[in-house]
Amino acid sequence: MNKAILAGAMALTLGTAAAPASALVINITGMNFPSLSAATGVVDTDTLGTTFGGTFFSQPWTATTLTSYASSSTWAGTSSRGAFSYNFTLTAGQVAFGLAFDWSLSSPIPVLAIFNADGSAGPGVPMQTSPFPGQAPSWQGTVSAVPVPAAAWLFGSGLIGLIGFVRRKKYKS
């Protein structure tokens, strides 16, 4: 087996070992807008399209996750309510989600939600589109880590075994 294949296998193995050890899961406990409102559900950084909800001014609402961020970034796009661009900075222990907030209106509202790992309310981010431009809901939830599936570790150990096999075969020749 040539050195290029061996180097590729080694890179894959090291890449697997360097992968994040877990996804972040948030058990949502509340939305502050401008006072604490009921909110329940679960979102995670590996599964987009999940929906959670609650009541807001006695009206039911749902929010669907569109994107997630573990570091500072920009979430921009265009919705039926207009263009939006959220530039944000996350600190250690924070995670952000781009949400489609549906409050039984004609179209969902793009909202950026930031969660703190300690379960306290994250910083509110002012909304950029109607019907609440400038309003800054903040979100509460407990953040927990979910371990990487065993299959990823099994794959990495299999690559290491393959490298050992190739080396052993090479030295016998």
C-alpha atoms as a PDB file:
ATOM      1  CA  MET A   1       0.000   0.000   0.000  1.00  0.00           C
ATOM      2  CA  ASN A   2       1.511   3.347  -0.891  1.00  0.00           C
ATOM      3  CA  LYS A   3       2.261   6.206   1.479  1.00  0.00           C
ATOM      4  CA  ALA A   4      -0.499   8.450   0.061  1.00  0.00           C
ATOM      5  CA  ILE A   5      -3.214   5.967   1.031  1.00  0.00           C
ATOM      6  CA  LEU A   6      -1.655   5.493   4.444  1.00  0.00           C
ATOM      7  CA  ALA A   7      -1.478   9.274   4.942  1.00  0.00           C
ATOM      8  CA  GLY A   8      -5.124   9.608   3.883  1.00  0.00           C
ATOM      9  CA  ALA A   9      -6.196   6.935   6.357  1.00  0.00           C
ATOM     10  CA  MET A  10      -4.225   8.668   9.086  1.00  0.00           C
ATOM     11  CA  ALA A  11      -5.818  12.030   8.263  1.00  0.00           C
ATOM     12  CA  LEU A  12      -9.285  10.467   8.428  1.00  0.00           C
ATOM     13  CA  THR A  13      -8.463   8.911  11.762  1.00  0.00           C
ATOM     14  CA  LEU A  14      -7.164  12.165  13.201  1.00  0.00           C
ATOM     15  CA  GLY A  15     -10.134  14.047  11.782  1.00  0.00           C
ATOM     16  CA  THR A  16     -12.520  11.622  13.476  1.00  0.00           C
ATOM     17  CA  ALA A  17     -10.742  11.993  16.799  1.00  0.00           C
ATOM     18  CA  ALA A  18     -10.822  15.785  16.518  1.00  0.00           C
ATOM     19  CA  ALA A  19     -14.553  15.928  15.800  1.00  0.00           C
ATOM     20  CA  PRO A  20     -16.766  17.533  18.433  1.00  0.00           C
ATOM     21  CA  ALA A  21     -17.609  15.089  21.193  1.00  0.00           C
ATOM     22  CA  SER A  22     -21.244  16.065  21.355  1.00  0.00           C
ATOM     23  CA  ALA A  23     -24.205  17.956  19.978  1.00  0.00           C
ATOM     24  CA  LEU A  24     -25.880  20.584  22.140  1.00  0.00           C
ATOM     25  CA  VAL A  25     -29.491  19.980  23.140  1.00  0.00           C
ATOM     26  CA  ILE A  26     -31.598  22.788  24.626  1.00  0.00           C
ATOM     27  CA  ASN A  27     -34.688  22.032  26.713  1.00  0.00           C
ATOM     28  CA  ILE A  28     -36.556  25.306  26.321  1.00  0.00           C
ATOM     29  CA  THR A  29     -38.178  26.670  29.474  1.00  0.00           C
ATOM     30  CA  GLY A  30     -39.260  30.189  28.558  1.00  0.00           C
ATOM     31  CA  MET A  31     -39.324  33.222  26.284  1.00  0.00           C
ATOM     32  CA  ASN A  32     -39.009  36.751  27.707  1.00  0.00           C
ATOM     33  CA  PHE A  33     -40.947  39.170  25.498  1.00  0.00           C
ATOM     34  CA  PRO A  34     -41.224  41.579  27.375  1.00  0.00           C
ATOM     35  CA  SER A  35     -42.236  39.392  30.331  1.00  0.00           C
ATOM     36  CA  LEU A  36     -41.763  35.651  30.767  1.00  0.00           C
ATOM     37  CA  SER A  37     -44.067  33.684  28.460  1.00  0.00           C
ATOM     38  CA  ALA A  38     -44.600  29.972  28.355  1.00  0.00           C
ATOM     39  CA  ALA A  39     -42.360  28.109  25.951  1.00  0.00           C
ATOM     40  CA  THR A  40     -41.692  24.400  25.798  1.00  0.00           C
ATOM     41  CA  GLY A  41     -39.815  22.113  23.489  1.00  0.00           C
ATOM     42  CA  VAL A  42     -36.395  20.786  22.601  1.00  0.00           C
ATOM     43  CA  VAL A  43     -33.958  21.930  19.909  1.00  0.00           C
ATOM     44  CA  ASP A  44     -30.483  20.673  19.124  1.00  0.00           C
ATOM     45  CA  THR A  45     -27.548  21.749  17.015  1.00  0.00           C
ATOM     46  CA  ASP A  46     -27.614  18.594  14.861  1.00  0.00           C
ATOM     47  CA  THR A  47     -31.324  18.489  13.966  1.00  0.00           C
ATOM     48  CA  LEU A  48     -32.786  21.429  12.088  1.00  0.00           C
ATOM     49  CA  GLY A  49     -36.497  21.726  11.350  1.00  0.00           C
ATOM     50  CA  THR A  50     -37.545  20.867  14.910  1.00  0.00           C
ATOM     51  CA  THR A  51     -40.503  22.815  16.262  1.00  0.00           C
ATOM     52  CA  PHE A  52     -41.302  24.068  19.740  1.00  0.00           C
ATOM     53  CA  GLY A  53     -44.007  26.402  20.990  1.00  0.00           C
ATOM     54  CA  GLY A  54     -46.003  28.115  23.683  1.00  0.00           C
ATOM     55  CA  THR A  55     -48.450  30.964  24.149  1.00  0.00           C
ATOM     56  CA  PHE A  56     -47.870  34.656  23.514  1.00  0.00           C
ATOM     57  CA  PHE A  57     -50.568  37.203  24.414  1.00  0.00           C
ATOM     58  CA  SER A  58     -52.943  34.245  24.827  1.00  0.00           C
ATOM     59  CA  GLN A  59     -52.227  33.099  21.275  1.00  0.00           C
ATOM     60  CA  PRO A  60     -50.470  29.820  20.462  1.00  0.00           C
ATOM     61  CA  TRP A  61     -47.195  30.046  18.582  1.00  0.00           C
ATOM     62  CA  THR A  62     -44.563  27.735  17.172  1.00  0.00           C
ATOM     63  CA  ALA A  63     -40.931  28.250  16.226  1.00  0.00           C
ATOM     64  CA  THR A  64     -39.055  26.081  13.746  1.00  0.00           C
ATOM     65  CA  THR A  65     -35.256  25.883  13.794  1.00  0.00           C
ATOM     66  CA  LEU A  66     -33.728  26.901  10.467  1.00  0.00           C
ATOM     67  CA  THR A  67     -30.030  27.073  11.397  1.00  0.00           C
ATOM     68  CA  SER A  68     -27.735  26.828  14.422  1.00  0.00           C
ATOM     69  CA  TYR A  69     -24.441  28.448  15.397  1.00  0.00           C
ATOM     70  CA  ALA A  70     -21.822  27.591  18.022  1.00  0.00           C
ATOM     71  CA  SER A  71     -19.649  30.634  17.289  1.00  0.00           C
ATOM     72  CA  SER A  72     -20.100  34.273  16.295  1.00  0.00           C
ATOM     73  CA  SER A  73     -21.478  34.727  12.809  1.00  0.00           C
ATOM     74  CA  THR A  74     -24.078  36.413  10.614  1.00  0.00           C
ATOM     75  CA  TRP A  75     -27.508  35.009   9.812  1.00  0.00           C
ATOM     76  CA  ALA A  76     -28.981  36.798   6.821  1.00  0.00           C
ATOM     77  CA  GLY A  77     -31.714  36.172   4.299  1.00  0.00           C
ATOM     78  CA  THR A  78     -35.030  37.276   2.964  1.00  0.00           C
ATOM     79  CA  SER A  79     -38.413  36.208   4.267  1.00  0.00           C
ATOM     80  CA  SER A  80     -41.889  37.160   3.142  1.00  0.00           C
ATOM     81  CA  ARG A  81     -41.578  39.923   5.770  1.00  0.00           C
ATOM     82  CA  GLY A  82     -38.462  41.391   4.149  1.00  0.00           C
ATOM     83  CA  ALA A  83     -34.686  41.167   4.306  1.00  0.00           C
ATOM     84  CA  PHE A  84     -32.889  40.545   7.589  1.00  0.00           C
ATOM     85  CA  SER A  85     -29.271  40.336   8.732  1.00  0.00           C
ATOM     86  CA  TYR A  86     -28.329  39.377  12.282  1.00  0.00           C
ATOM     87  CA  ASN A  87     -24.647  39.935  13.169  1.00  0.00           C
ATOM     88  CA  PHE A  88     -23.940  38.430  16.578  1.00  0.00           C
ATOM     89  CA  THR A  89     -21.151  37.497  18.942  1.00  0.00           C
ATOM     90  CA  LEU A  90     -21.395  34.404  21.111  1.00  0.00           C
ATOM     91  CA  THR A  91     -19.405  33.971  24.291  1.00  0.00           C
ATOM     92  CA  ALA A  92     -18.294  30.691  25.863  1.00  0.00           C
ATOM     93  CA  GLY A  93     -21.305  28.596  26.812  1.00  0.00           C
ATOM     94  CA  GLN A  94     -23.715  30.156  24.304  1.00  0.00           C
ATOM     95  CA  VAL A  95     -25.404  28.719  21.220  1.00  0.00           C
ATOM     96  CA  ALA A  96     -27.655  30.521  18.711  1.00  0.00           C
ATOM     97  CA  PHE A  97     -30.540  29.381  16.538  1.00  0.00           C
ATOM     98  CA  GLY A  98     -32.180  31.064  13.578  1.00  0.00           C
ATOM     99  CA  LEU A  99     -35.929  30.520  14.038  1.00  0.00           C
ATOM    100  CA  ALA A 100     -39.068  30.936  11.980  1.00  0.00           C
ATOM    101  CA  PHE A 101     -41.474  32.278  14.653  1.00  0.00           C
ATOM    102  CA  ASP A 102     -45.105  31.648  13.645  1.00  0.00           C
ATOM    103  CA  TRP A 103     -47.667  33.509  15.736  1.00  0.00           C
ATOM    104  CA  SER A 104     -50.735  32.624  13.651  1.00  0.00           C
ATOM    105  CA  LEU A 105     -49.914  35.515  11.336  1.00  0.00           C
ATOM    106  CA  SER A 106     -49.767  35.437   7.572  1.00  0.00           C
ATOM    107  CA  SER A 107     -46.070  34.489   7.516  1.00  0.00           C
ATOM    108  CA  PRO A 108     -43.358  33.453   9.996  1.00  0.00           C
ATOM    109  CA  ILE A 109     -41.046  36.028  11.582  1.00  0.00           C
ATOM    110  CA  PRO A 110     -37.257  35.427  11.388  1.00  0.00           C
ATOM    111  CA  VAL A 111     -35.917  35.536  14.980  1.00  0.00           C
ATOM    112  CA  LEU A 112     -32.406  34.901  16.329  1.00  0.00           C
ATOM    113  CA  ALA A 113     -32.442  33.087  19.689  1.00  0.00           C
ATOM    114  CA  ILE A 114     -29.323  32.885  21.876  1.00  0.00           C
ATOM    115  CA  PHE A 115     -29.216  30.384  24.749  1.00  0.00           C
ATOM    116  CA  ASN A 116     -26.839  30.344  27.748  1.00  0.00           C
ATOM    117  CA  ALA A 117     -25.434  27.002  28.885  1.00  0.00           C
ATOM    118  CA  ASP A 118     -26.305  27.721  32.518  1.00  0.00           C
ATOM    119  CA  GLY A 119     -30.052  27.951  31.782  1.00  0.00           C
ATOM    120  CA  SER A 120     -30.316  31.698  32.405  1.00  0.00           C
ATOM    121  CA  ALA A 121     -31.974  33.902  29.804  1.00  0.00           C
ATOM    122  CA  GLY A 122     -29.752  34.551  26.816  1.00  0.00           C
ATOM    123  CA  PRO A 123     -29.286  38.097  25.536  1.00  0.00           C
ATOM    124  CA  GLY A 124     -32.214  39.388  23.537  1.00  0.00           C
ATOM    125  CA  VAL A 125     -31.535  40.153  19.883  1.00  0.00           C
ATOM    126  CA  PRO A 126     -33.709  42.917  18.350  1.00  0.00           C
ATOM    127  CA  MET A 127     -36.029  41.643  15.606  1.00  0.00           C
ATOM    128  CA  GLN A 128     -35.523  43.221  12.215  1.00  0.00           C
ATOM    129  CA  THR A 129     -38.859  42.610  10.501  1.00  0.00           C
ATOM    130  CA  SER A 130     -42.506  43.354  11.235  1.00  0.00           C
ATOM    131  CA  PRO A 131     -44.614  43.113  13.308  1.00  0.00           C
ATOM    132  CA  PHE A 132     -42.076  43.662  16.142  1.00  0.00           C
ATOM    133  CA  PRO A 133     -39.032  45.471  14.696  1.00  0.00           C
ATOM    134  CA  GLY A 134     -36.598  46.451  17.434  1.00  0.00           C
ATOM    135  CA  GLN A 135     -38.170  44.197  20.070  1.00  0.00           C
ATOM    136  CA  ALA A 136     -35.667  41.784  21.647  1.00  0.00           C
ATOM    137  CA  PRO A 137     -37.056  38.510  22.986  1.00  0.00           C
ATOM    138  CA  SER A 138     -34.673  36.491  25.127  1.00  0.00           C
ATOM    139  CA  TRP A 139     -34.848  32.741  25.601  1.00  0.00           C
ATOM    140  CA  GLN A 140     -34.312  30.412  28.539  1.00  0.00           C
ATOM    141  CA  GLY A 141     -33.428  26.761  28.450  1.00  0.00           C
ATOM    142  CA  THR A 142     -31.101  24.192  29.890  1.00  0.00           C
ATOM    143  CA  VAL A 143     -28.275  23.140  27.621  1.00  0.00           C
ATOM    144  CA  SER A 144     -26.878  19.619  27.723  1.00  0.00           C
ATOM    145  CA  ALA A 145     -24.417  17.664  25.611  1.00  0.00           C
ATOM    146  CA  VAL A 146     -25.248  14.468  23.723  1.00  0.00           C
ATOM    147  CA  PRO A 147     -22.290  12.152  23.073  1.00  0.00           C
ATOM    148  CA  VAL A 148     -21.173  11.252  19.566  1.00  0.00           C
ATOM    149  CA  PRO A 149     -22.629   7.884  18.503  1.00  0.00           C
ATOM    150  CA  ALA A 150     -20.457   4.849  19.092  1.00  0.00           C
ATOM    151  CA  ALA A 151     -20.312   4.253  15.329  1.00  0.00           C
ATOM    152  CA  ALA A 152     -18.011   7.269  14.912  1.00  0.00           C
ATOM    153  CA  TRP A 153     -15.569   5.907  17.482  1.00  0.00           C
ATOM    154  CA  LEU A 154     -15.805   2.439  15.938  1.00  0.00           C
ATOM    155  CA  PHE A 155     -14.989   3.885  12.522  1.00  0.00           C
ATOM    156  CA  GLY A 156     -11.914   5.665  13.923  1.00  0.00           C
ATOM    157  CA  SER A 157     -10.648   2.571  15.711  1.00  0.00           C
ATOM    158  CA  GLY A 158     -11.182   0.530  12.532  1.00  0.00           C
ATOM    159  CA  LEU A 159      -8.986   2.939  10.593  1.00  0.00           C
ATOM    160  CA  ILE A 160      -6.279   2.682  13.228  1.00  0.00           C
ATOM    161  CA  GLY A 161      -6.482  -1.119  12.985  1.00  0.00           C
ATOM    162  CA  LEU A 162      -6.202  -0.937   9.196  1.00  0.00           C
ATOM    163  CA  ILE A 163      -3.079   1.182   9.473  1.00  0.00           C
ATOM    164  CA  GLY A 164      -1.563  -1.323  11.910  1.00  0.00           C
ATOM    165  CA  PHE A 165      -2.401  -4.187   9.573  1.00  0.00           C
ATOM    166  CA  VAL A 166      -0.771  -2.438   6.610  1.00  0.00           C
ATOM    167  CA  ARG A 167       2.352  -1.653   8.607  1.00  0.00           C
ATOM    168  CA  ARG A 168       2.616  -5.244   9.853  1.00  0.00           C
ATOM    169  CA  LYS A 169       2.217  -6.586   6.311  1.00  0.00           C
ATOM    170  CA  LYS A 170       4.834  -4.134   5.039  1.00  0.00           C
ATOM    171  CA  TYR A 171       7.408  -5.262   7.632  1.00  0.00           C
ATOM    172  CA  LYS A 172       6.815  -8.975   6.861  1.00  0.00           C
ATOM    173  CA  SER A 173       7.639  -8.394   3.187  1.00  0.00           C
END
